[in-house]
Amino acid sequence: MPLLEVKNLKTYFPVHGGILRRHIDDVKAVDDVSFTVEAGSTVGLVGESGSGKTTIGRTILKLAAATAGQILFEGKDILPMGEREFRPLRRQIQMIFQDPFGSLNPRMTIFAIVGEALEIHFREMTRDDRRARVAELLTQVGLMPDMMNRYPHEFSGGQRQRIGIARALAVKPRFIVCDEPVSALDVSVQAQIVNLLQDLQEQLGLTYLFIAHDLAVVEHISDHVLVMYRGKIVESASAEAIYNNPQHEYTRKLIAAIPAFV
């Protein structure tokens, strides 16, 4: 059984118009998409801005409401679940956000940011327990434990994204949606973060859905690649096959857009 299975997923956003603001159309952000993610693997989801790839990630985490279809996590459909039923699964499914500047509360210390999920999901933990766990997490992502007393503005973009990764790891998830986690970073820092994610996957047995618009990054980290265009998956193959023998014209355009120095 795959860890995650998406079946005929549709996520539409209504368009209203006229004086009475009636429903006149839908933006089909995700339109009848199906794929599976095996435990311990990385599935890359690549496409241009507006293709619907981030909406898929947000729908998996129930941050966006699905219109139709199924999302099965270990065989259980999570879409019909209410918040109380889904809450235990939030420990299993986490997200690393695209913007390391906007995803961290500037008024909270790193201890508060990373430890917040521990306070919610592990109520039996004392403050000292949480501090020890946050120190462990910061070390795991390549930061110093004493950095937990600082605020986000004191860190570089790459360091902030490491903090975001530590936050996602706090509750020991099995599946992580990586929503363009390196697109806002310098090229040299991108490689460091991608290597960190690969190391963590090997150490912790994590499973990733890696969303990006850069096919070179996706090809490097992914076992399997899905190419998305206008709400639909137009090509699905191994990373090697996608890169060396693309079948769809849109995939070929994405490869042609990769800078020559990559």
C-alpha atoms as a PDB file:
ATOM      1  CA  MET A   1       0.000   0.000   0.000  1.00  0.00           C
ATOM      2  CA  PRO A   2       1.402   3.438  -0.889  1.00  0.00           C
ATOM      3  CA  LEU A   3       1.839   5.836   2.005  1.00  0.00           C
ATOM      4  CA  LEU A   4      -0.167   8.454   0.076  1.00  0.00           C
ATOM      5  CA  GLU A   5      -2.570   7.927  -2.780  1.00  0.00           C
ATOM      6  CA  VAL A   6      -4.353  10.764  -4.568  1.00  0.00           C
ATOM      7  CA  LYS A   7      -7.341   9.706  -6.677  1.00  0.00           C
ATOM      8  CA  ASN A   8      -9.143  11.937  -9.187  1.00  0.00           C
ATOM      9  CA  LEU A   9      -8.531  15.013  -7.058  1.00  0.00           C
ATOM     10  CA  LYS A  10     -10.281  18.221  -8.037  1.00  0.00           C
ATOM     11  CA  THR A  11      -9.842  21.540  -6.281  1.00  0.00           C
ATOM     12  CA  TYR A  12     -11.888  24.312  -7.849  1.00  0.00           C
ATOM     13  CA  PHE A  13     -12.188  27.916  -6.737  1.00  0.00           C
ATOM     14  CA  PRO A  14     -15.498  29.631  -7.557  1.00  0.00           C
ATOM     15  CA  VAL A  15     -15.646  32.836  -9.590  1.00  0.00           C
ATOM     16  CA  HIS A  16     -18.469  35.229  -8.764  1.00  0.00           C
ATOM     17  CA  GLY A  17     -19.718  38.095 -10.874  1.00  0.00           C
ATOM     18  CA  GLY A  18     -22.536  40.540 -11.440  1.00  0.00           C
ATOM     19  CA  ILE A  19     -24.346  42.729  -8.970  1.00  0.00           C
ATOM     20  CA  LEU A  20     -25.585  39.713  -7.003  1.00  0.00           C
ATOM     21  CA  ARG A  21     -22.140  38.079  -6.988  1.00  0.00           C
ATOM     22  CA  ARG A  22     -23.511  34.854  -8.437  1.00  0.00           C
ATOM     23  CA  HIS A  23     -21.359  31.826  -9.139  1.00  0.00           C
ATOM     24  CA  ILE A  24     -20.516  32.142 -12.837  1.00  0.00           C
ATOM     25  CA  ASP A  25     -17.477  29.923 -13.268  1.00  0.00           C
ATOM     26  CA  ASP A  26     -14.677  27.981 -11.559  1.00  0.00           C
ATOM     27  CA  VAL A  27     -10.913  28.236 -11.566  1.00  0.00           C
ATOM     28  CA  LYS A  28      -9.858  24.605 -11.964  1.00  0.00           C
ATOM     29  CA  ALA A  29      -6.621  24.765  -9.976  1.00  0.00           C
ATOM     30  CA  VAL A  30      -6.429  20.965  -9.720  1.00  0.00           C
ATOM     31  CA  ASP A  31      -8.432  19.048 -12.295  1.00  0.00           C
ATOM     32  CA  ASP A  32      -8.741  15.256 -11.952  1.00  0.00           C
ATOM     33  CA  VAL A  33      -5.233  14.470 -10.674  1.00  0.00           C
ATOM     34  CA  SER A  34      -4.123  10.992  -9.538  1.00  0.00           C
ATOM     35  CA  PHE A  35      -0.756   9.757  -8.251  1.00  0.00           C
ATOM     36  CA  THR A  36       0.839   7.693  -5.488  1.00  0.00           C
ATOM     37  CA  VAL A  37       3.784   8.247  -3.147  1.00  0.00           C
ATOM     38  CA  GLU A  38       5.596   5.201  -1.781  1.00  0.00           C
ATOM     39  CA  ALA A  39       6.961   5.275   1.770  1.00  0.00           C
ATOM     40  CA  GLY A  40      10.563   6.480   1.923  1.00  0.00           C
ATOM     41  CA  SER A  41      10.535   7.962  -1.574  1.00  0.00           C
ATOM     42  CA  THR A  42      10.542  11.479  -3.002  1.00  0.00           C
ATOM     43  CA  VAL A  43       7.997  12.405  -5.647  1.00  0.00           C
ATOM     44  CA  GLY A  44       8.772  15.650  -7.442  1.00  0.00           C
ATOM     45  CA  LEU A  45       5.888  17.813  -8.613  1.00  0.00           C
ATOM     46  CA  VAL A  46       7.054  20.364 -11.162  1.00  0.00           C
ATOM     47  CA  GLY A  47       5.299  23.066 -13.155  1.00  0.00           C
ATOM     48  CA  GLU A  48       5.165  26.784 -13.766  1.00  0.00           C
ATOM     49  CA  SER A  49       3.523  29.262 -11.400  1.00  0.00           C
ATOM     50  CA  GLY A  50      -0.245  28.843 -11.487  1.00  0.00           C
ATOM     51  CA  SER A  51      -0.123  25.217 -12.636  1.00  0.00           C
ATOM     52  CA  GLY A  52      -1.833  24.019  -9.444  1.00  0.00           C
ATOM     53  CA  LYS A  53       1.061  22.225  -7.772  1.00  0.00           C
ATOM     54  CA  THR A  54       0.985  24.227  -4.522  1.00  0.00           C
ATOM     55  CA  THR A  55      -2.799  23.771  -4.360  1.00  0.00           C
ATOM     56  CA  ILE A  56      -2.253  20.000  -4.371  1.00  0.00           C
ATOM     57  CA  GLY A  57       0.090  20.322  -1.388  1.00  0.00           C
ATOM     58  CA  ARG A  58      -2.320  22.561   0.496  1.00  0.00           C
ATOM     59  CA  THR A  59      -5.230  20.223  -0.250  1.00  0.00           C
ATOM     60  CA  ILE A  60      -3.287  17.236   1.126  1.00  0.00           C
ATOM     61  CA  LEU A  61      -2.838  19.157   4.386  1.00  0.00           C
ATOM     62  CA  LYS A  62      -6.513  20.237   4.301  1.00  0.00           C
ATOM     63  CA  LEU A  63      -5.464  23.892   4.063  1.00  0.00           C
ATOM     64  CA  ALA A  64      -7.529  24.093   0.882  1.00  0.00           C
ATOM     65  CA  ALA A  65     -10.896  22.388   0.424  1.00  0.00           C
ATOM     66  CA  ALA A  66     -11.119  19.691  -2.243  1.00  0.00           C
ATOM     67  CA  THR A  67     -14.047  19.754  -4.666  1.00  0.00           C
ATOM     68  CA  ALA A  68     -13.971  16.021  -5.431  1.00  0.00           C
ATOM     69  CA  GLY A  69     -11.762  12.955  -5.287  1.00  0.00           C
ATOM     70  CA  GLN A  70      -9.902  11.078  -2.573  1.00  0.00           C
ATOM     71  CA  ILE A  71      -6.644  11.497  -0.672  1.00  0.00           C
ATOM     72  CA  LEU A  72      -5.721   8.243   1.042  1.00  0.00           C
ATOM     73  CA  PHE A  73      -3.065   8.267   3.767  1.00  0.00           C
ATOM     74  CA  GLU A  74      -2.207   4.686   4.680  1.00  0.00           C
ATOM     75  CA  GLY A  75      -5.462   3.664   3.033  1.00  0.00           C
ATOM     76  CA  LYS A  76      -7.699   6.111   4.931  1.00  0.00           C
ATOM     77  CA  ASP A  77      -9.454   8.879   3.028  1.00  0.00           C
ATOM     78  CA  ILE A  78      -8.638  12.118   4.848  1.00  0.00           C
ATOM     79  CA  LEU A  79     -10.934  14.425   2.862  1.00  0.00           C
ATOM     80  CA  PRO A  80     -14.198  13.550   4.686  1.00  0.00           C
ATOM     81  CA  MET A  81     -12.497  13.813   8.086  1.00  0.00           C
ATOM     82  CA  GLY A  82     -13.437  16.636  10.422  1.00  0.00           C
ATOM     83  CA  GLU A  83     -10.740  18.564  12.254  1.00  0.00           C
ATOM     84  CA  ARG A  84     -10.976  16.424  15.391  1.00  0.00           C
ATOM     85  CA  GLU A  85     -10.559  13.187  13.413  1.00  0.00           C
ATOM     86  CA  PHE A  86      -7.776  14.607  11.237  1.00  0.00           C
ATOM     87  CA  ARG A  87      -5.815  16.217  14.064  1.00  0.00           C
ATOM     88  CA  PRO A  88      -3.772  13.103  14.987  1.00  0.00           C
ATOM     89  CA  LEU A  89      -2.714  12.863  11.334  1.00  0.00           C
ATOM     90  CA  ARG A  90      -1.337  16.401  11.429  1.00  0.00           C
ATOM     91  CA  ARG A  91       1.570  14.895  13.365  1.00  0.00           C
ATOM     92  CA  GLN A  92       2.152  12.522  10.455  1.00  0.00           C
ATOM     93  CA  ILE A  93       1.817  15.081   7.639  1.00  0.00           C
ATOM     94  CA  GLN A  94       3.793  18.326   7.796  1.00  0.00           C
ATOM     95  CA  MET A  95       4.801  21.104   5.404  1.00  0.00           C
ATOM     96  CA  ILE A  96       7.919  23.143   4.658  1.00  0.00           C
ATOM     97  CA  PHE A  97       6.847  26.477   3.235  1.00  0.00           C
ATOM     98  CA  GLN A  98       8.304  28.369   0.304  1.00  0.00           C
ATOM     99  CA  ASP A  99       9.063  31.685   1.958  1.00  0.00           C
ATOM    100  CA  PRO A 100      11.519  31.415   4.875  1.00  0.00           C
ATOM    101  CA  PHE A 101      10.927  35.109   5.629  1.00  0.00           C
ATOM    102  CA  GLY A 102       7.135  35.110   5.704  1.00  0.00           C
ATOM    103  CA  SER A 103       6.537  31.695   7.311  1.00  0.00           C
ATOM    104  CA  LEU A 104       8.173  32.537  10.664  1.00  0.00           C
ATOM    105  CA  ASN A 105       6.455  34.839  13.159  1.00  0.00           C
ATOM    106  CA  PRO A 106       8.886  37.751  13.688  1.00  0.00           C
ATOM    107  CA  ARG A 107       7.626  38.294  17.245  1.00  0.00           C
ATOM    108  CA  MET A 108       8.380  34.769  18.418  1.00  0.00           C
ATOM    109  CA  THR A 109      11.733  33.303  19.414  1.00  0.00           C
ATOM    110  CA  ILE A 110      13.001  30.232  17.581  1.00  0.00           C
ATOM    111  CA  PHE A 111      12.244  28.184  20.702  1.00  0.00           C
ATOM    112  CA  ALA A 112       8.617  29.330  20.588  1.00  0.00           C
ATOM    113  CA  ILE A 113       8.313  28.760  16.820  1.00  0.00           C
ATOM    114  CA  VAL A 114       9.780  25.248  16.771  1.00  0.00           C
ATOM    115  CA  GLY A 115       8.347  24.286  20.155  1.00  0.00           C
ATOM    116  CA  GLU A 116       4.784  25.412  19.396  1.00  0.00           C
ATOM    117  CA  ALA A 117       3.839  22.107  17.732  1.00  0.00           C
ATOM    118  CA  LEU A 118       5.336  20.201  20.671  1.00  0.00           C
ATOM    119  CA  GLU A 119       3.149  22.169  23.061  1.00  0.00           C
ATOM    120  CA  ILE A 120       0.058  21.381  20.990  1.00  0.00           C
ATOM    121  CA  HIS A 121       0.647  17.721  20.204  1.00  0.00           C
ATOM    122  CA  PHE A 122       2.688  16.570  23.222  1.00  0.00           C
ATOM    123  CA  ARG A 123       0.977  18.162  26.198  1.00  0.00           C
ATOM    124  CA  GLU A 124       2.810  15.899  28.612  1.00  0.00           C
ATOM    125  CA  MET A 125       6.152  17.512  27.748  1.00  0.00           C
ATOM    126  CA  THR A 126       7.530  20.005  30.255  1.00  0.00           C
ATOM    127  CA  ARG A 127       9.188  23.248  29.173  1.00  0.00           C
ATOM    128  CA  ASP A 128      12.596  21.693  29.848  1.00  0.00           C
ATOM    129  CA  ASP A 129      11.625  18.702  27.688  1.00  0.00           C
ATOM    130  CA  ARG A 130      10.640  21.068  24.882  1.00  0.00           C
ATOM    131  CA  ARG A 131      13.907  22.994  25.166  1.00  0.00           C
ATOM    132  CA  ALA A 132      15.868  19.760  24.937  1.00  0.00           C
ATOM    133  CA  ARG A 133      13.863  18.663  21.876  1.00  0.00           C
ATOM    134  CA  VAL A 134      14.281  22.059  20.150  1.00  0.00           C
ATOM    135  CA  ALA A 135      18.040  21.939  20.840  1.00  0.00           C
ATOM    136  CA  GLU A 136      18.143  18.476  19.264  1.00  0.00           C
ATOM    137  CA  LEU A 137      16.193  19.650  16.213  1.00  0.00           C
ATOM    138  CA  LEU A 138      18.390  22.717  15.641  1.00  0.00           C
ATOM    139  CA  THR A 139      21.493  20.540  15.796  1.00  0.00           C
ATOM    140  CA  GLN A 140      19.885  18.130  13.349  1.00  0.00           C
ATOM    141  CA  VAL A 141      19.385  20.873  10.739  1.00  0.00           C
ATOM    142  CA  GLY A 142      22.867  22.324  11.152  1.00  0.00           C
ATOM    143  CA  LEU A 143      22.244  25.171  13.616  1.00  0.00           C
ATOM    144  CA  MET A 144      23.556  25.812  17.128  1.00  0.00           C
ATOM    145  CA  PRO A 145      21.222  24.969  20.037  1.00  0.00           C
ATOM    146  CA  ASP A 146      21.747  28.373  21.707  1.00  0.00           C
ATOM    147  CA  MET A 147      20.176  30.003  18.626  1.00  0.00           C
ATOM    148  CA  MET A 148      16.749  29.087  20.010  1.00  0.00           C
ATOM    149  CA  ASN A 149      16.722  32.316  22.051  1.00  0.00           C
ATOM    150  CA  ARG A 150      17.031  34.529  18.961  1.00  0.00           C
ATOM    151  CA  TYR A 151      14.360  35.986  16.658  1.00  0.00           C
ATOM    152  CA  PRO A 152      13.883  35.277  12.912  1.00  0.00           C
ATOM    153  CA  HIS A 153      15.294  38.653  11.766  1.00  0.00           C
ATOM    154  CA  GLU A 154      18.677  37.624  13.172  1.00  0.00           C
ATOM    155  CA  PHE A 155      19.086  34.828  10.612  1.00  0.00           C
ATOM    156  CA  SER A 156      19.888  34.580   6.907  1.00  0.00           C
ATOM    157  CA  GLY A 157      17.412  33.115   4.408  1.00  0.00           C
ATOM    158  CA  GLY A 158      19.097  29.728   4.418  1.00  0.00           C
ATOM    159  CA  GLN A 159      19.165  29.624   8.213  1.00  0.00           C
ATOM    160  CA  ARG A 160      15.486  30.551   8.361  1.00  0.00           C
ATOM    161  CA  GLN A 161      14.637  27.707   6.023  1.00  0.00           C
ATOM    162  CA  ARG A 162      16.591  25.349   8.299  1.00  0.00           C
ATOM    163  CA  ILE A 163      14.416  26.609  11.154  1.00  0.00           C
ATOM    164  CA  GLY A 164      11.339  25.889   9.023  1.00  0.00           C
ATOM    165  CA  ILE A 165      12.604  22.357   8.460  1.00  0.00           C
ATOM    166  CA  ALA A 166      13.210  21.918  12.193  1.00  0.00           C
ATOM    167  CA  ARG A 167       9.635  23.053  12.858  1.00  0.00           C
ATOM    168  CA  ALA A 168       8.293  20.495  10.368  1.00  0.00           C
ATOM    169  CA  LEU A 169      10.362  17.729  11.995  1.00  0.00           C
ATOM    170  CA  ALA A 170       9.342  18.611  15.564  1.00  0.00           C
ATOM    171  CA  VAL A 171       6.410  16.182  15.788  1.00  0.00           C
ATOM    172  CA  LYS A 172       8.269  13.344  14.018  1.00  0.00           C
ATOM    173  CA  PRO A 173       6.189  13.235  10.828  1.00  0.00           C
ATOM    174  CA  ARG A 174       6.337  10.502   8.212  1.00  0.00           C
ATOM    175  CA  PHE A 175       5.287  12.583   5.198  1.00  0.00           C
ATOM    176  CA  ILE A 176       6.400  16.133   4.387  1.00  0.00           C
ATOM    177  CA  VAL A 177       5.115  18.409   1.639  1.00  0.00           C
ATOM    178  CA  CYS A 178       8.083  20.555   0.560  1.00  0.00           C
ATOM    179  CA  ASP A 179       6.454  23.558  -1.129  1.00  0.00           C
ATOM    180  CA  GLU A 180       9.226  25.117  -3.222  1.00  0.00           C
ATOM    181  CA  PRO A 181      11.556  25.135  -0.199  1.00  0.00           C
ATOM    182  CA  VAL A 182      14.583  26.477  -2.104  1.00  0.00           C
ATOM    183  CA  SER A 183      13.066  28.843  -4.688  1.00  0.00           C
ATOM    184  CA  ALA A 184      13.598  31.950  -2.516  1.00  0.00           C
ATOM    185  CA  LEU A 185      17.245  31.121  -1.758  1.00  0.00           C
ATOM    186  CA  ASP A 186      20.569  31.784  -3.489  1.00  0.00           C
ATOM    187  CA  VAL A 187      21.815  28.984  -5.739  1.00  0.00           C
ATOM    188  CA  SER A 188      24.642  27.955  -3.401  1.00  0.00           C
ATOM    189  CA  VAL A 189      22.258  27.836  -0.445  1.00  0.00           C
ATOM    190  CA  GLN A 190      19.716  25.857  -2.486  1.00  0.00           C
ATOM    191  CA  ALA A 191      22.203  23.011  -2.831  1.00  0.00           C
ATOM    192  CA  GLN A 192      22.856  22.993   0.920  1.00  0.00           C
ATOM    193  CA  ILE A 193      19.137  22.767   1.736  1.00  0.00           C
ATOM    194  CA  VAL A 194      18.510  20.031  -0.846  1.00  0.00           C
ATOM    195  CA  ASN A 195      21.433  18.019   0.551  1.00  0.00           C
ATOM    196  CA  LEU A 196      20.097  18.524   4.082  1.00  0.00           C
ATOM    197  CA  LEU A 197      16.655  17.232   3.055  1.00  0.00           C
ATOM    198  CA  GLN A 198      18.232  14.166   1.472  1.00  0.00           C
ATOM    199  CA  ASP A 199      20.334  13.471   4.566  1.00  0.00           C
ATOM    200  CA  LEU A 200      17.288  13.813   6.841  1.00  0.00           C
ATOM    201  CA  GLN A 201      15.299  11.492   4.621  1.00  0.00           C
ATOM    202  CA  GLU A 202      17.982   8.839   4.902  1.00  0.00           C
ATOM    203  CA  GLN A 203      18.351   9.286   8.679  1.00  0.00           C
ATOM    204  CA  LEU A 204      14.654   9.460   9.568  1.00  0.00           C
ATOM    205  CA  GLY A 205      12.968   7.449   6.814  1.00  0.00           C
ATOM    206  CA  LEU A 206      10.948  10.445   5.604  1.00  0.00           C
ATOM    207  CA  THR A 207       8.705  10.591   2.553  1.00  0.00           C
ATOM    208  CA  TYR A 208       8.564  13.795   0.494  1.00  0.00           C
ATOM    209  CA  LEU A 209       6.292  15.444  -2.030  1.00  0.00           C
ATOM    210  CA  PHE A 210       8.782  17.978  -3.413  1.00  0.00           C
ATOM    211  CA  ILE A 211       7.089  20.861  -5.232  1.00  0.00           C
ATOM    212  CA  ALA A 212       9.160  23.138  -7.473  1.00  0.00           C
ATOM    213  CA  HIS A 213       9.216  24.996 -10.762  1.00  0.00           C
ATOM    214  CA  ASP A 214      12.897  24.175 -11.379  1.00  0.00           C
ATOM    215  CA  LEU A 215      13.185  20.802 -13.095  1.00  0.00           C
ATOM    216  CA  ALA A 216      16.943  20.640 -12.395  1.00  0.00           C
ATOM    217  CA  VAL A 217      16.354  20.706  -8.617  1.00  0.00           C
ATOM    218  CA  VAL A 218      13.470  18.239  -8.861  1.00  0.00           C
ATOM    219  CA  GLU A 219      15.488  15.834 -11.017  1.00  0.00           C
ATOM    220  CA  HIS A 220      18.313  15.890  -8.452  1.00  0.00           C
ATOM    221  CA  ILE A 221      16.237  14.990  -5.398  1.00  0.00           C
ATOM    222  CA  SER A 222      13.328  12.939  -6.779  1.00  0.00           C
ATOM    223  CA  ASP A 223      12.791   9.247  -7.428  1.00  0.00           C
ATOM    224  CA  HIS A 224       9.710   9.931  -9.536  1.00  0.00           C
ATOM    225  CA  VAL A 225       8.584  13.151 -11.229  1.00  0.00           C
ATOM    226  CA  LEU A 226       5.110  14.470 -12.058  1.00  0.00           C
ATOM    227  CA  VAL A 227       4.871  17.320 -14.562  1.00  0.00           C
ATOM    228  CA  MET A 228       1.858  19.557 -14.038  1.00  0.00           C
ATOM    229  CA  TYR A 229       0.313  21.979 -16.522  1.00  0.00           C
ATOM    230  CA  ARG A 230      -2.932  23.937 -16.118  1.00  0.00           C
ATOM    231  CA  GLY A 231      -4.252  21.798 -13.300  1.00  0.00           C
ATOM    232  CA  LYS A 232      -3.455  18.428 -14.857  1.00  0.00           C
ATOM    233  CA  ILE A 233      -0.541  15.995 -14.717  1.00  0.00           C
ATOM    234  CA  VAL A 234       0.734  15.758 -18.295  1.00  0.00           C
ATOM    235  CA  GLU A 235       3.695  13.430 -17.690  1.00  0.00           C
ATOM    236  CA  SER A 236       4.702  10.943 -14.995  1.00  0.00           C
ATOM    237  CA  ALA A 237       7.973   8.991 -15.032  1.00  0.00           C
ATOM    238  CA  SER A 238      11.199   8.335 -13.191  1.00  0.00           C
ATOM    239  CA  ALA A 239      13.484  11.328 -12.721  1.00  0.00           C
ATOM    240  CA  GLU A 240      15.998   9.873 -15.173  1.00  0.00           C
ATOM    241  CA  ALA A 241      13.375   9.232 -17.849  1.00  0.00           C
ATOM    242  CA  ILE A 242      11.850  12.698 -17.476  1.00  0.00           C
ATOM    243  CA  TYR A 243      15.218  14.382 -17.859  1.00  0.00           C
ATOM    244  CA  ASN A 244      16.692  12.202 -20.612  1.00  0.00           C
ATOM    245  CA  ASN A 245      13.625  11.251 -22.618  1.00  0.00           C
ATOM    246  CA  PRO A 246      10.739  13.682 -22.052  1.00  0.00           C
ATOM    247  CA  GLN A 247       7.526  12.730 -23.826  1.00  0.00           C
ATOM    248  CA  HIS A 248       5.355  15.830 -23.474  1.00  0.00           C
ATOM    249  CA  GLU A 249       6.054  19.108 -25.227  1.00  0.00           C
ATOM    250  CA  TYR A 250       5.604  21.065 -21.994  1.00  0.00           C
ATOM    251  CA  THR A 251       8.224  18.900 -20.254  1.00  0.00           C
ATOM    252  CA  ARG A 252      10.645  19.595 -23.090  1.00  0.00           C
ATOM    253  CA  LYS A 253      10.056  23.323 -22.638  1.00  0.00           C
ATOM    254  CA  LEU A 254      10.815  23.067 -18.917  1.00  0.00           C
ATOM    255  CA  ILE A 255      14.077  21.269 -19.679  1.00  0.00           C
ATOM    256  CA  ALA A 256      14.991  23.860 -22.306  1.00  0.00           C
ATOM    257  CA  ALA A 257      14.487  26.582 -19.691  1.00  0.00           C
ATOM    258  CA  ILE A 258      17.150  25.123 -17.358  1.00  0.00           C
ATOM    259  CA  PRO A 259      20.172  27.484 -17.305  1.00  0.00           C
ATOM    260  CA  ALA A 260      23.162  26.126 -19.201  1.00  0.00           C
ATOM    261  CA  PHE A 261      25.442  26.247 -16.137  1.00  0.00           C
ATOM    262  CA  VAL A 262      23.275  23.794 -14.155  1.00  0.00           C
END
